[in-house]
């Protein structure tokens, strides 16, 4: 049963669902959006009632062509409201993909992306905005949390 008092004024918070993918050398997959400076982890916002691990996988596929199963969270990052709504960003572990894995970036006029590529970890500070780099550094620390949906491990 839904309590109308809880639904009268729901909180407004965007849920960002990002993915950290590496190649065998440990380089990090980044996408280059045309709407901001610096490269970022692939991902985007979840739709209402969309499980975050599925939103992350959907965005990863749309931006890079990769089909990965995501079940572990590497970092949780809260960003207070500034120019945008407050945001809670979940960084999922996309694991390691072989060097031979092709990346398929859709045309810029459909995706807003200039491209995607693997970037060596030592170059991340020069490639990403400071907040994006800090989030990625925490995700690289190799700690994981399980992604749960209604208390059950996400599949």
N, C-alpha and C. Protein backbone atom coordinates (compact mmCIF):
# COMPACT_ATOMS: atom_id res chain seq x y z
N UNK A 1 0.83 -1.18 0.00
CA UNK A 1 0.00 0.00 0.00
C UNK A 1 0.88 1.25 0.00
N UNK A 2 0.53 2.22 -0.83
CA UNK A 2 1.30 3.44 -0.90
C UNK A 2 0.72 4.48 0.05
N UNK A 3 1.57 5.08 0.83
CA UNK A 3 1.16 6.11 1.77
C UNK A 3 1.19 7.45 1.04
N UNK A 4 0.03 8.12 0.88
CA UNK A 4 0.01 9.38 0.14
C UNK A 4 0.89 10.46 0.77
N UNK A 5 1.13 10.37 2.06
CA UNK A 5 2.01 11.36 2.70
C UNK A 5 3.43 11.25 2.18
N UNK A 6 3.86 10.03 1.85
CA UNK A 6 5.21 9.83 1.34
C UNK A 6 5.34 10.25 -0.11
N UNK A 7 4.24 10.20 -0.86
CA UNK A 7 4.28 10.52 -2.28
C UNK A 7 3.89 11.97 -2.57
N UNK A 8 3.42 12.71 -1.55
CA UNK A 8 2.96 14.08 -1.76
C UNK A 8 4.08 14.98 -2.28
N UNK A 9 5.26 14.84 -1.74
CA UNK A 9 6.40 15.65 -2.18
C UNK A 9 7.64 14.75 -2.22
N UNK A 10 7.77 13.96 -3.31
CA UNK A 10 8.92 13.05 -3.37
C UNK A 10 10.22 13.85 -3.52
N UNK A 11 11.31 13.30 -3.01
CA UNK A 11 12.59 13.98 -3.14
C UNK A 11 13.01 14.04 -4.61
N UNK A 12 13.75 15.07 -4.95
CA UNK A 12 14.23 15.24 -6.32
C UNK A 12 15.74 15.00 -6.31
N UNK A 13 16.13 13.88 -6.87
CA UNK A 13 17.55 13.53 -6.92
C UNK A 13 17.78 12.68 -8.16
N UNK A 14 18.73 13.10 -8.98
CA UNK A 14 19.05 12.33 -10.18
C UNK A 14 19.94 11.16 -9.76
N UNK A 15 19.70 10.01 -10.35
CA UNK A 15 20.51 8.83 -10.08
C UNK A 15 21.40 8.58 -11.28
N UNK A 16 22.69 8.83 -11.12
CA UNK A 16 23.66 8.57 -12.17
C UNK A 16 24.20 7.16 -12.06
N UNK A 17 24.26 6.46 -13.18
CA UNK A 17 24.69 5.07 -13.21
C UNK A 17 25.87 4.97 -14.16
N UNK A 18 27.06 4.86 -13.61
CA UNK A 18 28.30 4.90 -14.37
C UNK A 18 28.99 3.55 -14.33
N UNK A 19 29.92 3.34 -15.26
CA UNK A 19 30.61 2.05 -15.33
C UNK A 19 32.11 2.27 -15.49
N UNK A 20 32.88 1.58 -14.65
CA UNK A 20 34.34 1.57 -14.76
C UNK A 20 34.73 0.28 -15.48
N UNK A 21 35.27 0.43 -16.69
CA UNK A 21 35.72 -0.70 -17.50
C UNK A 21 37.21 -0.51 -17.75
N UNK A 22 37.96 -1.59 -17.64
CA UNK A 22 39.41 -1.53 -17.88
C UNK A 22 39.81 -2.52 -18.96
N UNK A 23 40.97 -2.27 -19.55
CA UNK A 23 41.56 -3.24 -20.47
C UNK A 23 42.63 -4.01 -19.69
N UNK A 24 43.27 -5.02 -20.31
CA UNK A 24 44.25 -5.83 -19.56
C UNK A 24 45.42 -5.03 -18.98
N UNK A 25 45.73 -3.86 -19.52
CA UNK A 25 46.82 -3.02 -18.99
C UNK A 25 46.35 -2.17 -17.82
N UNK A 26 45.05 -2.18 -17.54
CA UNK A 26 44.51 -1.38 -16.45
C UNK A 26 44.04 0.00 -16.87
N UNK A 27 44.11 0.30 -18.18
CA UNK A 27 43.62 1.58 -18.67
C UNK A 27 42.11 1.65 -18.47
N UNK A 28 41.58 2.87 -18.32
CA UNK A 28 40.17 3.08 -18.00
C UNK A 28 39.43 3.59 -19.24
N UNK A 29 38.28 3.00 -19.51
CA UNK A 29 37.45 3.43 -20.63
C UNK A 29 36.73 4.72 -20.27
N UNK A 30 36.91 5.74 -21.10
CA UNK A 30 36.24 7.03 -20.93
C UNK A 30 35.54 7.42 -22.21
N UNK A 31 34.48 8.20 -22.07
CA UNK A 31 33.80 8.78 -23.22
C UNK A 31 34.02 10.29 -23.18
N UNK A 32 33.94 10.91 -24.35
CA UNK A 32 34.21 12.34 -24.49
C UNK A 32 32.92 13.05 -24.93
N UNK A 33 32.16 13.59 -23.96
CA UNK A 33 30.91 14.26 -24.32
C UNK A 33 31.18 15.66 -24.89
N UNK A 34 30.35 16.07 -25.86
CA UNK A 34 30.54 17.39 -26.45
C UNK A 34 29.95 18.50 -25.58
N UNK A 35 29.25 18.15 -24.51
CA UNK A 35 28.57 19.15 -23.69
C UNK A 35 29.33 19.53 -22.42
N UNK A 36 30.54 19.00 -22.24
CA UNK A 36 31.33 19.36 -21.07
C UNK A 36 32.82 19.21 -21.36
N UNK A 37 33.63 19.86 -20.54
CA UNK A 37 35.08 19.74 -20.68
C UNK A 37 35.55 18.48 -19.99
N UNK A 38 36.45 17.79 -20.62
CA UNK A 38 37.01 16.58 -20.05
C UNK A 38 36.21 15.34 -20.38
N UNK A 39 36.88 14.22 -20.22
CA UNK A 39 36.25 12.92 -20.47
C UNK A 39 35.65 12.40 -19.17
N UNK A 40 34.70 11.47 -19.32
CA UNK A 40 33.98 10.94 -18.16
C UNK A 40 33.80 9.42 -18.31
N UNK A 41 33.44 8.78 -17.22
CA UNK A 41 33.09 7.36 -17.29
C UNK A 41 31.80 7.23 -18.09
N UNK A 42 31.64 6.15 -18.85
CA UNK A 42 30.38 5.94 -19.56
C UNK A 42 29.23 5.77 -18.56
N UNK A 43 28.07 6.21 -18.96
CA UNK A 43 26.90 6.05 -18.11
C UNK A 43 25.95 7.21 -18.27
N UNK A 44 24.92 7.23 -17.44
CA UNK A 44 23.91 8.27 -17.49
C UNK A 44 22.86 8.04 -16.43
N UNK A 45 21.79 8.78 -16.54
CA UNK A 45 20.71 8.73 -15.55
C UNK A 45 19.81 7.51 -15.74
N UNK A 46 19.31 7.04 -14.62
CA UNK A 46 18.31 5.97 -14.65
C UNK A 46 16.94 6.57 -14.91
N UNK A 47 16.11 5.83 -15.61
CA UNK A 47 14.70 6.20 -15.79
C UNK A 47 13.96 5.91 -14.48
N UNK A 48 12.79 6.52 -14.26
CA UNK A 48 12.02 6.19 -13.05
C UNK A 48 11.77 4.68 -12.95
N UNK A 49 12.04 4.14 -11.79
CA UNK A 49 11.86 2.72 -11.47
C UNK A 49 12.78 1.77 -12.24
N UNK A 50 13.77 2.29 -12.93
CA UNK A 50 14.74 1.43 -13.62
C UNK A 50 15.84 1.04 -12.63
N UNK A 51 16.10 -0.24 -12.45
CA UNK A 51 17.19 -0.64 -11.56
C UNK A 51 18.52 -0.03 -12.02
N UNK A 52 19.31 0.50 -11.10
CA UNK A 52 20.54 1.20 -11.48
C UNK A 52 21.52 0.36 -12.29
N UNK A 53 21.65 -0.93 -11.96
CA UNK A 53 22.61 -1.76 -12.70
C UNK A 53 22.18 -1.92 -14.16
N UNK A 54 20.86 -1.95 -14.39
CA UNK A 54 20.36 -2.06 -15.77
C UNK A 54 20.50 -0.72 -16.51
N UNK A 55 20.32 0.39 -15.80
CA UNK A 55 20.52 1.70 -16.41
C UNK A 55 21.98 1.88 -16.82
N UNK A 56 22.89 1.47 -15.95
CA UNK A 56 24.31 1.58 -16.26
C UNK A 56 24.67 0.73 -17.48
N UNK A 57 24.15 -0.49 -17.52
CA UNK A 57 24.42 -1.37 -18.66
C UNK A 57 23.82 -0.81 -19.95
N UNK A 58 22.63 -0.22 -19.85
CA UNK A 58 21.98 0.37 -21.03
C UNK A 58 22.79 1.53 -21.59
N UNK A 59 23.24 2.42 -20.71
CA UNK A 59 24.04 3.56 -21.16
C UNK A 59 25.39 3.11 -21.72
N UNK A 60 26.02 2.15 -21.05
CA UNK A 60 27.31 1.64 -21.53
C UNK A 60 27.16 1.08 -22.94
N UNK A 61 26.11 0.32 -23.17
CA UNK A 61 25.88 -0.25 -24.49
C UNK A 61 25.60 0.84 -25.52
N UNK A 62 24.77 1.81 -25.16
CA UNK A 62 24.42 2.87 -26.11
C UNK A 62 25.63 3.74 -26.46
N UNK A 63 26.56 3.92 -25.51
CA UNK A 63 27.69 4.82 -25.73
C UNK A 63 28.91 4.13 -26.33
N UNK A 64 29.05 2.82 -26.09
CA UNK A 64 30.28 2.14 -26.51
C UNK A 64 30.05 0.84 -27.27
N UNK A 65 28.83 0.32 -27.25
CA UNK A 65 28.54 -0.96 -27.88
C UNK A 65 28.85 -2.15 -27.00
N UNK A 66 29.36 -1.93 -25.79
CA UNK A 66 29.69 -3.04 -24.90
C UNK A 66 28.44 -3.57 -24.20
N UNK A 67 28.33 -4.89 -24.13
CA UNK A 67 27.25 -5.57 -23.40
C UNK A 67 27.89 -6.24 -22.19
N UNK A 68 27.74 -5.64 -21.01
CA UNK A 68 28.33 -6.20 -19.81
C UNK A 68 27.26 -6.39 -18.75
N UNK A 69 27.43 -7.44 -17.96
CA UNK A 69 26.55 -7.71 -16.83
C UNK A 69 27.18 -7.04 -15.61
N UNK A 70 26.42 -6.21 -14.93
CA UNK A 70 26.94 -5.42 -13.81
C UNK A 70 26.26 -5.85 -12.52
N UNK A 71 27.06 -6.11 -11.49
CA UNK A 71 26.46 -6.53 -10.23
C UNK A 71 27.17 -5.97 -9.00
N UNK A 72 28.30 -5.30 -9.18
CA UNK A 72 29.02 -4.75 -8.04
C UNK A 72 29.23 -3.25 -8.21
N UNK A 73 29.11 -2.53 -7.09
CA UNK A 73 29.31 -1.09 -7.06
C UNK A 73 30.68 -0.81 -6.47
N UNK A 74 31.43 0.06 -7.14
CA UNK A 74 32.77 0.41 -6.69
C UNK A 74 32.80 1.72 -5.90
N UNK A 75 31.87 2.62 -6.18
CA UNK A 75 31.84 3.91 -5.48
C UNK A 75 30.44 4.48 -5.52
N UNK A 76 30.11 5.22 -4.47
CA UNK A 76 28.86 5.97 -4.39
C UNK A 76 29.26 7.41 -4.13
N UNK A 77 28.79 8.33 -4.98
CA UNK A 77 29.21 9.73 -4.89
C UNK A 77 27.98 10.62 -4.89
N UNK A 78 27.79 11.36 -3.80
CA UNK A 78 26.69 12.33 -3.71
C UNK A 78 27.22 13.69 -4.13
N UNK A 79 26.50 14.35 -5.02
CA UNK A 79 26.87 15.69 -5.46
C UNK A 79 25.69 16.62 -5.13
N UNK A 80 25.92 17.62 -4.26
CA UNK A 80 24.82 18.53 -3.93
C UNK A 80 24.39 19.36 -5.14
N UNK A 81 23.19 19.90 -5.07
CA UNK A 81 22.66 20.70 -6.18
C UNK A 81 23.53 21.92 -6.41
N UNK A 82 23.80 22.17 -7.68
CA UNK A 82 24.48 23.39 -8.10
C UNK A 82 23.72 23.88 -9.33
N UNK A 83 24.32 23.75 -10.51
CA UNK A 83 23.59 24.08 -11.73
C UNK A 83 22.54 23.02 -12.04
N UNK A 84 22.69 21.86 -11.48
CA UNK A 84 21.80 20.73 -11.74
C UNK A 84 21.16 20.29 -10.44
N UNK A 85 20.23 19.33 -10.52
CA UNK A 85 19.65 18.73 -9.33
C UNK A 85 20.73 18.01 -8.54
N UNK A 86 20.47 17.79 -7.27
CA UNK A 86 21.41 16.95 -6.51
C UNK A 86 21.49 15.59 -7.18
N UNK A 87 22.66 14.96 -7.06
CA UNK A 87 22.87 13.72 -7.77
C UNK A 87 23.51 12.68 -6.85
N UNK A 88 23.08 11.45 -7.05
CA UNK A 88 23.72 10.31 -6.42
C UNK A 88 24.25 9.47 -7.57
N UNK A 89 25.57 9.33 -7.64
CA UNK A 89 26.20 8.59 -8.73
C UNK A 89 26.74 7.27 -8.21
N UNK A 90 26.35 6.20 -8.86
CA UNK A 90 26.83 4.86 -8.55
C UNK A 90 27.81 4.46 -9.65
N UNK A 91 28.98 4.02 -9.25
CA UNK A 91 29.97 3.54 -10.22
C UNK A 91 30.02 2.02 -10.13
N UNK A 92 29.60 1.37 -11.21
CA UNK A 92 29.58 -0.09 -11.28
C UNK A 92 30.89 -0.63 -11.84
N UNK A 93 31.23 -1.84 -11.41
CA UNK A 93 32.43 -2.52 -11.89
C UNK A 93 32.12 -3.23 -13.20
N UNK A 94 32.69 -2.72 -14.29
CA UNK A 94 32.51 -3.35 -15.59
C UNK A 94 33.58 -4.39 -15.90
N UNK A 95 34.52 -4.56 -14.96
CA UNK A 95 35.56 -5.56 -15.15
C UNK A 95 36.57 -5.17 -16.23
N UNK A 96 37.20 -6.20 -16.77
CA UNK A 96 38.24 -6.03 -17.79
C UNK A 96 37.76 -6.64 -19.10
N UNK A 97 37.93 -5.89 -20.17
CA UNK A 97 37.58 -6.40 -21.50
C UNK A 97 38.87 -6.58 -22.31
N UNK A 98 38.92 -7.57 -23.19
CA UNK A 98 40.12 -7.80 -24.00
C UNK A 98 40.42 -6.61 -24.92
N UNK A 99 41.69 -6.46 -25.25
CA UNK A 99 42.11 -5.38 -26.17
C UNK A 99 41.42 -5.48 -27.52
N UNK A 100 41.01 -6.67 -27.89
CA UNK A 100 40.39 -6.87 -29.21
C UNK A 100 38.90 -6.50 -29.23
N UNK A 101 38.36 -6.10 -28.07
CA UNK A 101 36.94 -5.75 -28.00
C UNK A 101 36.71 -4.44 -28.74
N UNK A 102 35.84 -4.45 -29.75
CA UNK A 102 35.59 -3.21 -30.48
C UNK A 102 34.68 -2.27 -29.69
N UNK A 103 34.94 -0.96 -29.82
CA UNK A 103 34.07 0.06 -29.26
C UNK A 103 33.27 0.67 -30.39
N UNK A 104 31.99 0.81 -30.19
CA UNK A 104 31.11 1.38 -31.21
C UNK A 104 30.44 2.62 -30.62
N UNK A 105 30.95 3.79 -30.99
CA UNK A 105 30.38 5.05 -30.52
C UNK A 105 29.40 5.56 -31.57
N UNK A 106 28.16 5.84 -31.17
CA UNK A 106 27.19 6.32 -32.16
C UNK A 106 27.58 7.71 -32.67
N UNK A 107 27.02 8.12 -33.80
CA UNK A 107 27.34 9.43 -34.35
C UNK A 107 27.04 10.54 -33.34
N UNK A 108 27.85 11.58 -33.39
CA UNK A 108 27.75 12.69 -32.44
C UNK A 108 26.34 13.29 -32.42
N UNK A 109 25.71 13.44 -33.57
CA UNK A 109 24.39 14.08 -33.61
C UNK A 109 23.32 13.24 -32.91
N UNK A 110 23.58 11.96 -32.67
CA UNK A 110 22.64 11.11 -31.92
C UNK A 110 23.04 10.98 -30.45
N UNK A 111 24.34 11.01 -30.18
CA UNK A 111 24.81 10.67 -28.84
C UNK A 111 25.38 11.84 -28.05
N UNK A 112 25.82 12.88 -28.72
CA UNK A 112 26.51 13.96 -28.02
C UNK A 112 27.92 13.58 -27.61
N UNK A 113 28.44 12.47 -28.17
CA UNK A 113 29.78 12.01 -27.82
C UNK A 113 30.75 12.27 -28.97
N UNK A 114 31.93 12.74 -28.61
CA UNK A 114 33.00 12.94 -29.58
C UNK A 114 33.80 11.66 -29.80
N UNK A 115 33.69 10.71 -28.87
CA UNK A 115 34.41 9.45 -28.99
C UNK A 115 34.53 8.74 -27.66
N UNK A 116 35.26 7.63 -27.68
CA UNK A 116 35.52 6.83 -26.49
C UNK A 116 36.88 6.18 -26.68
N UNK A 117 37.62 6.06 -25.58
CA UNK A 117 38.93 5.40 -25.66
C UNK A 117 39.39 5.01 -24.26
N UNK A 118 40.34 4.07 -24.23
CA UNK A 118 40.97 3.67 -22.98
C UNK A 118 42.11 4.64 -22.68
N UNK A 119 42.14 5.11 -21.44
CA UNK A 119 43.13 6.10 -21.02
C UNK A 119 43.96 5.50 -19.89
N UNK A 120 45.30 5.57 -19.98
CA UNK A 120 46.13 5.07 -18.88
C UNK A 120 45.81 5.82 -17.58
N UNK A 121 45.86 5.11 -16.46
CA UNK A 121 45.51 5.68 -15.16
C UNK A 121 46.34 6.93 -14.87
N UNK A 122 47.60 6.94 -15.21
CA UNK A 122 48.46 8.10 -14.92
C UNK A 122 48.03 9.35 -15.69
N UNK A 123 47.27 9.19 -16.78
CA UNK A 123 46.81 10.33 -17.57
C UNK A 123 45.41 10.81 -17.16
N UNK A 124 44.75 10.11 -16.26
CA UNK A 124 43.39 10.48 -15.87
C UNK A 124 43.29 11.89 -15.30
N UNK A 125 44.25 12.34 -14.44
CA UNK A 125 44.11 13.70 -13.89
C UNK A 125 44.14 14.79 -14.98
N UNK A 126 44.83 14.53 -16.06
CA UNK A 126 44.91 15.51 -17.15
C UNK A 126 43.77 15.37 -18.15
N UNK A 127 43.01 14.30 -18.06
CA UNK A 127 41.96 13.99 -19.03
C UNK A 127 40.57 14.28 -18.50
N UNK A 128 40.41 14.21 -17.18
CA UNK A 128 39.09 14.35 -16.56
C UNK A 128 39.02 15.62 -15.71
N UNK A 129 37.80 16.12 -15.51
CA UNK A 129 37.58 17.22 -14.56
C UNK A 129 37.91 16.70 -13.16
N UNK A 130 38.32 17.59 -12.23
CA UNK A 130 38.74 17.13 -10.90
C UNK A 130 37.72 16.25 -10.17
N UNK A 131 36.45 16.62 -10.17
CA UNK A 131 35.45 15.80 -9.47
C UNK A 131 35.28 14.45 -10.14
N UNK A 132 35.32 14.41 -11.47
CA UNK A 132 35.21 13.15 -12.20
C UNK A 132 36.42 12.26 -11.89
N UNK A 133 37.60 12.86 -11.85
CA UNK A 133 38.82 12.10 -11.54
C UNK A 133 38.77 11.55 -10.11
N UNK A 134 38.31 12.37 -9.16
CA UNK A 134 38.24 11.93 -7.76
C UNK A 134 37.31 10.73 -7.64
N UNK A 135 36.16 10.78 -8.29
CA UNK A 135 35.20 9.67 -8.28
C UNK A 135 35.84 8.42 -8.88
N UNK A 136 36.52 8.58 -9.99
CA UNK A 136 37.15 7.44 -10.67
C UNK A 136 38.27 6.86 -9.82
N UNK A 137 39.05 7.71 -9.16
CA UNK A 137 40.14 7.23 -8.29
C UNK A 137 39.60 6.38 -7.16
N UNK A 138 38.50 6.81 -6.57
CA UNK A 138 37.88 6.01 -5.51
C UNK A 138 37.40 4.67 -6.05
N UNK A 139 36.83 4.68 -7.25
CA UNK A 139 36.36 3.43 -7.86
C UNK A 139 37.51 2.49 -8.15
N UNK A 140 38.67 3.03 -8.46
CA UNK A 140 39.84 2.21 -8.76
C UNK A 140 40.47 1.58 -7.51
N UNK A 141 40.00 1.95 -6.32
CA UNK A 141 40.57 1.44 -5.07
C UNK A 141 40.23 -0.03 -4.82
N UNK A 142 39.42 -0.65 -5.70
CA UNK A 142 39.10 -2.09 -5.65
C UNK A 142 38.30 -2.53 -4.44
N UNK A 143 37.43 -1.67 -3.95
CA UNK A 143 36.47 -2.06 -2.93
C UNK A 143 35.14 -2.26 -3.67
N UNK A 144 34.36 -3.21 -3.24
CA UNK A 144 33.06 -3.41 -3.91
C UNK A 144 31.94 -3.57 -2.89
N UNK A 145 30.76 -3.18 -3.34
CA UNK A 145 29.52 -3.40 -2.62
C UNK A 145 28.60 -4.14 -3.57
N UNK A 146 27.79 -5.04 -3.07
CA UNK A 146 26.84 -5.69 -3.98
C UNK A 146 25.72 -4.73 -4.36
N UNK A 147 25.28 -4.79 -5.59
CA UNK A 147 24.09 -4.06 -6.02
C UNK A 147 22.89 -4.93 -5.67
N UNK A 148 21.94 -4.36 -4.94
CA UNK A 148 20.76 -5.11 -4.52
C UNK A 148 19.50 -4.50 -5.10
N UNK A 149 18.52 -5.33 -5.41
CA UNK A 149 17.20 -4.91 -5.83
C UNK A 149 16.21 -5.60 -4.91
N UNK A 150 15.52 -4.84 -4.07
CA UNK A 150 14.62 -5.39 -3.06
C UNK A 150 15.34 -6.41 -2.18
N UNK A 151 16.57 -6.09 -1.80
CA UNK A 151 17.32 -6.95 -0.90
C UNK A 151 17.96 -8.17 -1.52
N UNK A 152 17.77 -8.36 -2.81
CA UNK A 152 18.36 -9.51 -3.52
C UNK A 152 19.47 -9.04 -4.45
N UNK A 153 20.49 -9.82 -4.57
CA UNK A 153 21.61 -9.49 -5.45
C UNK A 153 21.11 -9.24 -6.88
N UNK A 154 21.52 -8.12 -7.47
CA UNK A 154 21.10 -7.76 -8.83
C UNK A 154 21.70 -8.75 -9.83
N UNK A 155 20.89 -9.11 -10.81
CA UNK A 155 21.38 -10.02 -11.86
C UNK A 155 21.12 -9.43 -13.22
